[in-house]
PDB file of all heavy atoms in Angstrom:
ATOM      1  N   GLU A   1       0.815  -1.179   0.017  1.00  0.00           N
ATOM      2  CA  GLU A   1      -0.024   0.023  -0.001  1.00  0.00           C
ATOM      3  C   GLU A   1       0.879   1.235   0.033  1.00  0.00           C
ATOM      4  O   GLU A   1       0.577   2.234  -0.732  1.00  0.00           O
ATOM      5  CB  GLU A   1      -0.938  -0.033   1.187  1.00  0.00           C
ATOM      6  CG  GLU A   1      -1.918   1.144   1.264  1.00  0.00           C
ATOM      7  CD  GLU A   1      -2.924   0.985   2.299  1.00  0.00           C
ATOM      8  OE1 GLU A   1      -3.391  -0.149   2.649  1.00  0.00           O
ATOM      9  OE2 GLU A   1      -3.260   2.057   2.950  1.00  0.00           O
ATOM     10  N   GLU A   2       1.958   1.237   0.774  1.00  0.00           N
ATOM     11  CA  GLU A   2       2.847   2.458   0.817  1.00  0.00           C
ATOM     12  C   GLU A   2       3.541   2.599  -0.490  1.00  0.00           C
ATOM     13  O   GLU A   2       3.764   3.733  -0.976  1.00  0.00           O
ATOM     14  CB  GLU A   2       3.798   2.217   1.964  1.00  0.00           C
ATOM     15  CG  GLU A   2       3.145   2.455   3.363  1.00  0.00           C
ATOM     16  CD  GLU A   2       4.137   2.251   4.481  1.00  0.00           C
ATOM     17  OE1 GLU A   2       5.273   1.772   4.310  1.00  0.00           O
ATOM     18  OE2 GLU A   2       3.696   2.554   5.625  1.00  0.00           O
ATOM     19  N   GLU A   3       3.874   1.497  -1.170  1.00  0.00           N
ATOM     20  CA  GLU A   3       4.515   1.635  -2.425  1.00  0.00           C
ATOM     21  C   GLU A   3       3.544   2.176  -3.488  1.00  0.00           C
ATOM     22  O   GLU A   3       4.006   2.993  -4.293  1.00  0.00           O
ATOM     23  CB  GLU A   3       5.085   0.212  -2.842  1.00  0.00           C
ATOM     24  CG  GLU A   3       5.796   0.264  -4.238  1.00  0.00           C
ATOM     25  CD  GLU A   3       6.966   1.290  -4.310  1.00  0.00           C
ATOM     26  OE1 GLU A   3       7.667   1.399  -3.314  1.00  0.00           O
ATOM     27  OE2 GLU A   3       7.119   1.978  -5.356  1.00  0.00           O
ATOM     28  N   ARG A   4       2.325   1.786  -3.364  1.00  0.00           N
ATOM     29  CA  ARG A   4       1.328   2.323  -4.297  1.00  0.00           C
ATOM     30  C   ARG A   4       1.158   3.903  -4.162  1.00  0.00           C
ATOM     31  O   ARG A   4       1.091   4.589  -5.084  1.00  0.00           O
ATOM     32  CB  ARG A   4      -0.045   1.607  -4.000  1.00  0.00           C
ATOM     33  CG  ARG A   4      -1.053   1.777  -5.088  1.00  0.00           C
ATOM     34  CD  ARG A   4      -2.256   0.992  -4.656  1.00  0.00           C
ATOM     35  NE  ARG A   4      -3.313   1.905  -4.297  1.00  0.00           N
ATOM     36  CZ  ARG A   4      -4.161   1.792  -3.304  1.00  0.00           C
ATOM     37  NH1 ARG A   4      -4.064   0.740  -2.517  1.00  0.00           N
ATOM     38  NH2 ARG A   4      -5.062   2.752  -3.071  1.00  0.00           N
ATOM     39  N   VAL A   5       1.205   4.310  -2.844  1.00  0.00           N
ATOM     40  CA  VAL A   5       1.083   5.768  -2.559  1.00  0.00           C
ATOM     41  C   VAL A   5       2.301   6.476  -3.061  1.00  0.00           C
ATOM     42  O   VAL A   5       2.189   7.520  -3.718  1.00  0.00           O
ATOM     43  CB  VAL A   5       0.864   5.989  -1.049  1.00  0.00           C
ATOM     44  CG1 VAL A   5       1.056   7.483  -0.748  1.00  0.00           C
ATOM     45  CG2 VAL A   5      -0.455   5.471  -0.616  1.00  0.00           C
ATOM     46  N   ASN A   6       3.516   5.897  -2.865  1.00  0.00           N
ATOM     47  CA  ASN A   6       4.756   6.559  -3.291  1.00  0.00           C
ATOM     48  C   ASN A   6       4.754   6.710  -4.813  1.00  0.00           C
ATOM     49  O   ASN A   6       5.196   7.653  -5.321  1.00  0.00           O
ATOM     50  CB  ASN A   6       5.962   5.763  -2.774  1.00  0.00           C
ATOM     51  CG  ASN A   6       6.135   5.913  -1.351  1.00  0.00           C
ATOM     52  OD1 ASN A   6       5.754   6.872  -0.783  1.00  0.00           O
ATOM     53  ND2 ASN A   6       6.765   4.901  -0.621  1.00  0.00           N
ATOM     54  N   GLU A   7       4.262   5.628  -5.519  1.00  0.00           N
ATOM     55  CA  GLU A   7       4.241   5.738  -6.985  1.00  0.00           C
ATOM     56  C   GLU A   7       3.298   6.842  -7.433  1.00  0.00           C
ATOM     57  O   GLU A   7       3.603   7.557  -8.420  1.00  0.00           O
ATOM     58  CB  GLU A   7       3.870   4.381  -7.592  1.00  0.00           C
ATOM     59  CG  GLU A   7       3.739   4.278  -9.098  1.00  0.00           C
ATOM     60  CD  GLU A   7       5.064   4.536  -9.759  1.00  0.00           C
ATOM     61  OE1 GLU A   7       6.106   4.330  -9.187  1.00  0.00           O
ATOM     62  OE2 GLU A   7       5.032   4.852 -10.982  1.00  0.00           O
ATOM     63  N   LEU A   8       2.099   6.929  -6.790  1.00  0.00           N
ATOM     64  CA  LEU A   8       1.181   7.953  -7.134  1.00  0.00           C
ATOM     65  C   LEU A   8       1.808   9.370  -6.966  1.00  0.00           C
ATOM     66  O   LEU A   8       1.702  10.282  -7.823  1.00  0.00           O
ATOM     67  CB  LEU A   8      -0.097   7.816  -6.305  1.00  0.00           C
ATOM     68  CG  LEU A   8      -1.137   8.904  -6.471  1.00  0.00           C
ATOM     69  CD1 LEU A   8      -1.584   9.017  -7.983  1.00  0.00           C
ATOM     70  CD2 LEU A   8      -2.294   8.680  -5.624  1.00  0.00           C
ATOM     71  N   ILE A   9       2.459   9.566  -5.826  1.00  0.00           N
ATOM     72  CA  ILE A   9       3.075  10.859  -5.548  1.00  0.00           C
ATOM     73  C   ILE A   9       4.138  11.190  -6.600  1.00  0.00           C
ATOM     74  O   ILE A   9       4.269  12.301  -7.076  1.00  0.00           O
ATOM     75  CB  ILE A   9       3.643  10.811  -4.136  1.00  0.00           C
ATOM     76  CG1 ILE A   9       2.493  10.888  -3.139  1.00  0.00           C
ATOM     77  CG2 ILE A   9       4.565  12.070  -3.920  1.00  0.00           C
ATOM     78  CD1 ILE A   9       2.867  10.787  -1.671  1.00  0.00           C
ATOM     79  N   ARG A  10       4.946  10.145  -7.042  1.00  0.00           N
ATOM     80  CA  ARG A  10       5.966  10.415  -8.062  1.00  0.00           C
ATOM     81  C   ARG A  10       5.271  10.790  -9.291  1.00  0.00           C
ATOM     82  O   ARG A  10       5.747  11.780 -10.073  1.00  0.00           O
ATOM     83  CB  ARG A  10       6.832   9.088  -8.284  1.00  0.00           C
ATOM     84  CG  ARG A  10       7.908   8.946  -7.348  1.00  0.00           C
ATOM     85  CD  ARG A  10       8.914   7.845  -7.879  1.00  0.00           C
ATOM     86  NE  ARG A  10       8.268   6.511  -7.778  1.00  0.00           N
ATOM     87  CZ  ARG A  10       8.292   5.756  -6.737  1.00  0.00           C
ATOM     88  NH1 ARG A  10       8.776   6.128  -5.603  1.00  0.00           N
ATOM     89  NH2 ARG A  10       7.683   4.525  -6.692  1.00  0.00           N
ATOM     90  N   ILE A  11       4.182  10.127  -9.707  1.00  0.00           N
ATOM     91  CA  ILE A  11       3.437  10.536 -10.955  1.00  0.00           C
ATOM     92  C   ILE A  11       2.990  11.923 -10.834  1.00  0.00           C
ATOM     93  O   ILE A  11       3.000  12.712 -11.797  1.00  0.00           O
ATOM     94  CB  ILE A  11       2.351   9.534 -11.226  1.00  0.00           C
ATOM     95  CG1 ILE A  11       2.925   8.137 -11.576  1.00  0.00           C
ATOM     96  CG2 ILE A  11       1.338   9.990 -12.277  1.00  0.00           C
ATOM     97  CD1 ILE A  11       1.949   6.996 -11.600  1.00  0.00           C
ATOM     98  N   LEU A  12       2.271  12.271  -9.767  1.00  0.00           N
ATOM     99  CA  LEU A  12       1.756  13.606  -9.530  1.00  0.00           C
ATOM    100  C   LEU A  12       2.838  14.730  -9.641  1.00  0.00           C
ATOM    101  O   LEU A  12       2.614  15.709 -10.348  1.00  0.00           O
ATOM    102  CB  LEU A  12       1.026  13.760  -8.169  1.00  0.00           C
ATOM    103  CG  LEU A  12      -0.264  12.902  -8.089  1.00  0.00           C
ATOM    104  CD1 LEU A  12      -0.786  13.005  -6.640  1.00  0.00           C
ATOM    105  CD2 LEU A  12      -1.331  13.425  -9.031  1.00  0.00           C
ATOM    106  N   LYS A  13       3.962  14.532  -8.923  1.00  0.00           N
ATOM    107  CA  LYS A  13       5.059  15.511  -9.055  1.00  0.00           C
ATOM    108  C   LYS A  13       5.581  15.609 -10.462  1.00  0.00           C
ATOM    109  O   LYS A  13       5.863  16.690 -10.927  1.00  0.00           O
ATOM    110  CB  LYS A  13       6.211  15.031  -8.098  1.00  0.00           C
ATOM    111  CG  LYS A  13       5.802  15.262  -6.634  1.00  0.00           C
ATOM    112  CD  LYS A  13       7.001  14.867  -5.690  1.00  0.00           C
ATOM    113  CE  LYS A  13       6.630  15.189  -4.265  1.00  0.00           C
ATOM    114  NZ  LYS A  13       7.680  14.796  -3.341  1.00  0.00           N
ATOM    115  N   ASN A  14       5.767  14.517 -11.163  1.00  0.00           N
ATOM    116  CA  ASN A  14       6.226  14.552 -12.590  1.00  0.00           C
ATOM    117  C   ASN A  14       5.195  15.341 -13.430  1.00  0.00           C
ATOM    118  O   ASN A  14       5.663  16.160 -14.326  1.00  0.00           O
ATOM    119  CB  ASN A  14       6.540  13.178 -13.119  1.00  0.00           C
ATOM    120  CG  ASN A  14       7.812  12.611 -12.574  1.00  0.00           C
ATOM    121  OD1 ASN A  14       8.783  13.369 -12.236  1.00  0.00           O
ATOM    122  ND2 ASN A  14       7.901  11.337 -12.531  1.00  0.00           N
ATOM    123  N   THR A  15       3.921  15.062 -13.296  1.00  0.00           N
ATOM    124  CA  THR A  15       2.899  15.687 -14.033  1.00  0.00           C
ATOM    125  C   THR A  15       2.935  17.214 -13.774  1.00  0.00           C
ATOM    126  O   THR A  15       2.827  17.999 -14.674  1.00  0.00           O
ATOM    127  CB  THR A  15       1.505  15.129 -13.721  1.00  0.00           C
ATOM    128  OG1 THR A  15       1.535  13.695 -14.001  1.00  0.00           O
ATOM    129  CG2 THR A  15       0.430  15.733 -14.543  1.00  0.00           C
ATOM    130  N   ILE A  16       2.998  17.583 -12.511  1.00  0.00           N
ATOM    131  CA  ILE A  16       3.122  18.982 -12.157  1.00  0.00           C
ATOM    132  C   ILE A  16       4.256  19.653 -12.786  1.00  0.00           C
ATOM    133  O   ILE A  16       4.100  20.732 -13.398  1.00  0.00           O
ATOM    134  CB  ILE A  16       3.119  19.126 -10.598  1.00  0.00           C
ATOM    135  CG1 ILE A  16       1.751  18.711 -10.001  1.00  0.00           C
ATOM    136  CG2 ILE A  16       3.508  20.589 -10.160  1.00  0.00           C
ATOM    137  CD1 ILE A  16       1.830  18.494  -8.529  1.00  0.00           C
ATOM    138  N   ARG A  17       5.480  19.028 -12.719  1.00  0.00           N
ATOM    139  CA  ARG A  17       6.683  19.631 -13.289  1.00  0.00           C
ATOM    140  C   ARG A  17       6.575  19.704 -14.878  1.00  0.00           C
ATOM    141  O   ARG A  17       6.827  20.739 -15.428  1.00  0.00           O
ATOM    142  CB  ARG A  17       7.910  18.780 -12.935  1.00  0.00           C
ATOM    143  CG  ARG A  17       9.123  19.332 -13.457  1.00  0.00           C
ATOM    144  CD  ARG A  17      10.362  18.469 -13.036  1.00  0.00           C
ATOM    145  NE  ARG A  17      10.132  17.024 -13.447  1.00  0.00           N
ATOM    146  CZ  ARG A  17      10.383  16.473 -14.586  1.00  0.00           C
ATOM    147  NH1 ARG A  17      10.731  17.246 -15.656  1.00  0.00           N
ATOM    148  NH2 ARG A  17      10.198  15.259 -14.876  1.00  0.00           N
ATOM    149  N   LEU A  18       6.055  18.678 -15.524  1.00  0.00           N
ATOM    150  CA  LEU A  18       5.973  18.708 -16.932  1.00  0.00           C
ATOM    151  C   LEU A  18       4.915  19.622 -17.559  1.00  0.00           C
ATOM    152  O   LEU A  18       5.083  20.058 -18.687  1.00  0.00           O
ATOM    153  CB  LEU A  18       5.677  17.261 -17.480  1.00  0.00           C
ATOM    154  CG  LEU A  18       6.718  16.207 -17.246  1.00  0.00           C
ATOM    155  CD1 LEU A  18       6.161  14.750 -17.603  1.00  0.00           C
ATOM    156  CD2 LEU A  18       7.909  16.562 -18.150  1.00  0.00           C
ATOM    157  N   THR A  19       3.957  20.032 -16.751  1.00  0.00           N
ATOM    158  CA  THR A  19       2.966  20.998 -17.140  1.00  0.00           C
ATOM    159  C   THR A  19       3.262  22.480 -16.855  1.00  0.00           C
ATOM    160  O   THR A  19       2.513  23.321 -17.093  1.00  0.00           O
ATOM    161  CB  THR A  19       1.544  20.585 -16.666  1.00  0.00           C
ATOM    162  OG1 THR A  19       1.666  20.530 -15.246  1.00  0.00           O
ATOM    163  CG2 THR A  19       1.046  19.341 -17.201  1.00  0.00           C
ATOM    164  N   GLY A  20       4.519  22.593 -16.293  1.00  0.00           N
ATOM    165  CA  GLY A  20       4.941  23.992 -16.044  1.00  0.00           C
ATOM    166  C   GLY A  20       4.491  24.590 -14.692  1.00  0.00           C
ATOM    167  O   GLY A  20       4.665  25.765 -14.415  1.00  0.00           O
ATOM    168  N   PHE A  21       4.143  23.748 -13.798  1.00  0.00           N
ATOM    169  CA  PHE A  21       3.735  24.195 -12.458  1.00  0.00           C
ATOM    170  C   PHE A  21       4.794  23.765 -11.451  1.00  0.00           C
ATOM    171  O   PHE A  21       5.633  22.926 -11.746  1.00  0.00           O
ATOM    172  CB  PHE A  21       2.337  23.642 -12.061  1.00  0.00           C
ATOM    173  CG  PHE A  21       1.206  24.276 -12.833  1.00  0.00           C
ATOM    174  CD1 PHE A  21       0.811  23.606 -14.041  1.00  0.00           C
ATOM    175  CD2 PHE A  21       0.592  25.425 -12.461  1.00  0.00           C
ATOM    176  CE1 PHE A  21      -0.260  24.232 -14.761  1.00  0.00           C
ATOM    177  CE2 PHE A  21      -0.393  26.046 -13.198  1.00  0.00           C
ATOM    178  CZ  PHE A  21      -0.779  25.371 -14.381  1.00  0.00           C
ATOM    179  N   GLU A  22       4.670  24.211 -10.245  1.00  0.00           N
ATOM    180  CA  GLU A  22       5.513  23.752  -9.131  1.00  0.00           C
ATOM    181  C   GLU A  22       4.661  23.494  -7.895  1.00  0.00           C
ATOM    182  O   GLU A  22       3.683  24.194  -7.680  1.00  0.00           O
ATOM    183  CB  GLU A  22       6.699  24.670  -8.785  1.00  0.00           C
ATOM    184  CG  GLU A  22       6.237  26.046  -8.387  1.00  0.00           C
ATOM    185  CD  GLU A  22       7.439  26.968  -8.088  1.00  0.00           C
ATOM    186  OE1 GLU A  22       8.038  26.876  -6.946  1.00  0.00           O
ATOM    187  OE2 GLU A  22       7.865  27.650  -9.006  1.00  0.00           O
ATOM    188  N   LEU A  23       5.030  22.513  -7.151  1.00  0.00           N
ATOM    189  CA  LEU A  23       4.332  22.078  -5.939  1.00  0.00           C
ATOM    190  C   LEU A  23       4.761  23.010  -4.898  1.00  0.00           C
ATOM    191  O   LEU A  23       5.968  23.144  -4.523  1.00  0.00           O
ATOM    192  CB  LEU A  23       4.646  20.635  -5.671  1.00  0.00           C
ATOM    193  CG  LEU A  23       3.911  19.998  -4.486  1.00  0.00           C
ATOM    194  CD1 LEU A  23       2.390  19.999  -4.720  1.00  0.00           C
ATOM    195  CD2 LEU A  23       4.433  18.587  -4.213  1.00  0.00           C
ATOM    196  N   LEU A  24       3.826  23.681  -4.253  1.00  0.00           N
ATOM    197  CA  LEU A  24       4.078  24.595  -3.088  1.00  0.00           C
ATOM    198  C   LEU A  24       3.885  23.995  -1.686  1.00  0.00           C
ATOM    199  O   LEU A  24       4.502  24.480  -0.758  1.00  0.00           O
ATOM    200  CB  LEU A  24       3.221  25.837  -3.265  1.00  0.00           C
ATOM    201  CG  LEU A  24       3.381  26.610  -4.555  1.00  0.00           C
ATOM    202  CD1 LEU A  24       2.480  27.793  -4.539  1.00  0.00           C
ATOM    203  CD2 LEU A  24       4.920  27.119  -4.681  1.00  0.00           C
ATOM    204  N   ASN A  25       2.994  22.987  -1.612  1.00  0.00           N
ATOM    205  CA  ASN A  25       2.770  22.438  -0.265  1.00  0.00           C
ATOM    206  C   ASN A  25       2.842  20.894  -0.406  1.00  0.00           C
ATOM    207  O   ASN A  25       2.873  20.384  -1.474  1.00  0.00           O
ATOM    208  CB  ASN A  25       1.334  22.833   0.202  1.00  0.00           C
ATOM    209  CG  ASN A  25       1.340  24.307   0.578  1.00  0.00           C
ATOM    210  OD1 ASN A  25       2.220  24.755   1.287  1.00  0.00           O
ATOM    211  ND2 ASN A  25       0.363  24.990   0.009  1.00  0.00           N
ATOM    212  N   ARG A  26       2.766  20.215   0.821  1.00  0.00           N
ATOM    213  CA  ARG A  26       2.804  18.804   0.812  1.00  0.00           C
ATOM    214  C   ARG A  26       1.545  18.180   0.104  1.00  0.00           C
ATOM    215  O   ARG A  26       0.492  18.784   0.176  1.00  0.00           O
ATOM    216  CB  ARG A  26       2.981  18.260   2.196  1.00  0.00           C
ATOM    217  CG  ARG A  26       4.238  18.640   2.914  1.00  0.00           C
ATOM    218  CD  ARG A  26       4.226  18.192   4.354  1.00  0.00           C
ATOM    219  NE  ARG A  26       4.107  16.693   4.380  1.00  0.00           N
ATOM    220  CZ  ARG A  26       5.025  15.913   4.768  1.00  0.00           C
ATOM    221  NH1 ARG A  26       6.193  16.307   4.956  1.00  0.00           N
ATOM    222  NH2 ARG A  26       4.807  14.614   4.788  1.00  0.00           N
ATOM    223  N   ILE A  27       1.703  17.005  -0.411  1.00  0.00           N
ATOM    224  CA  ILE A  27       0.602  16.304  -0.931  1.00  0.00           C
ATOM    225  C   ILE A  27      -0.009  15.450   0.203  1.00  0.00           C
ATOM    226  O   ILE A  27       0.700  14.824   0.949  1.00  0.00           O
ATOM    227  CB  ILE A  27       0.997  15.376  -2.144  1.00  0.00           C
ATOM    228  CG1 ILE A  27       1.485  16.241  -3.289  1.00  0.00           C
ATOM    229  CG2 ILE A  27      -0.146  14.511  -2.540  1.00  0.00           C
ATOM    230  CD1 ILE A  27       2.083  15.426  -4.398  1.00  0.00           C
ATOM    231  N   GLU A  28      -1.270  15.547   0.410  1.00  0.00           N
ATOM    232  CA  GLU A  28      -1.995  14.825   1.399  1.00  0.00           C
ATOM    233  C   GLU A  28      -3.071  13.913   0.744  1.00  0.00           C
ATOM    234  O   GLU A  28      -3.882  14.387   0.034  1.00  0.00           O
ATOM    235  CB  GLU A  28      -2.670  15.703   2.463  1.00  0.00           C
ATOM    236  CG  GLU A  28      -3.191  14.989   3.703  1.00  0.00           C
ATOM    237  CD  GLU A  28      -3.697  16.019   4.738  1.00  0.00           C
ATOM    238  OE1 GLU A  28      -3.095  17.067   4.849  1.00  0.00           O
ATOM    239  OE2 GLU A  28      -4.668  15.652   5.369  1.00  0.00           O
ATOM    240  N   LEU A  29      -3.037  12.569   1.064  1.00  0.00           N
ATOM    241  CA  LEU A  29      -3.920  11.639   0.351  1.00  0.00           C
ATOM    242  C   LEU A  29      -4.668  10.809   1.420  1.00  0.00           C
ATOM    243  O   LEU A  29      -4.099  10.497   2.465  1.00  0.00           O
ATOM    244  CB  LEU A  29      -3.167  10.742  -0.540  1.00  0.00           C
ATOM    245  CG  LEU A  29      -2.332  11.341  -1.688  1.00  0.00           C
ATOM    246  CD1 LEU A  29      -1.431  10.328  -2.271  1.00  0.00           C
ATOM    247  CD2 LEU A  29      -3.270  11.949  -2.696  1.00  0.00           C
ATOM    248  N   ARG A  30      -5.928  10.422   1.084  1.00  0.00           N
ATOM    249  CA  ARG A  30      -6.597   9.481   1.907  1.00  0.00           C
ATOM    250  C   ARG A  30      -7.081   8.315   1.051  1.00  0.00           C
ATOM    251  O   ARG A  30      -7.687   8.546  -0.046  1.00  0.00           O
ATOM    252  CB  ARG A  30      -7.863  10.073   2.571  1.00  0.00           C
ATOM    253  CG  ARG A  30      -8.625   9.070   3.425  1.00  0.00           C
ATOM    254  CD  ARG A  30      -9.780   9.547   4.195  1.00  0.00           C
ATOM    255  NE  ARG A  30     -10.517  10.563   3.518  1.00  0.00           N
ATOM    256  CZ  ARG A  30     -10.881  11.685   4.084  1.00  0.00           C
ATOM    257  NH1 ARG A  30     -10.483  12.069   5.295  1.00  0.00           N
ATOM    258  NH2 ARG A  30     -11.605  12.574   3.391  1.00  0.00           N
TER     259      ARG A  30
END
């Protein structure tokens, strides 16, 4: 489950970077 969450966070961060945005705060998931 933790690996699944880590993979999702990597994908989100890459998507944010590739679309020209930057992440300003922590990602919180439930």
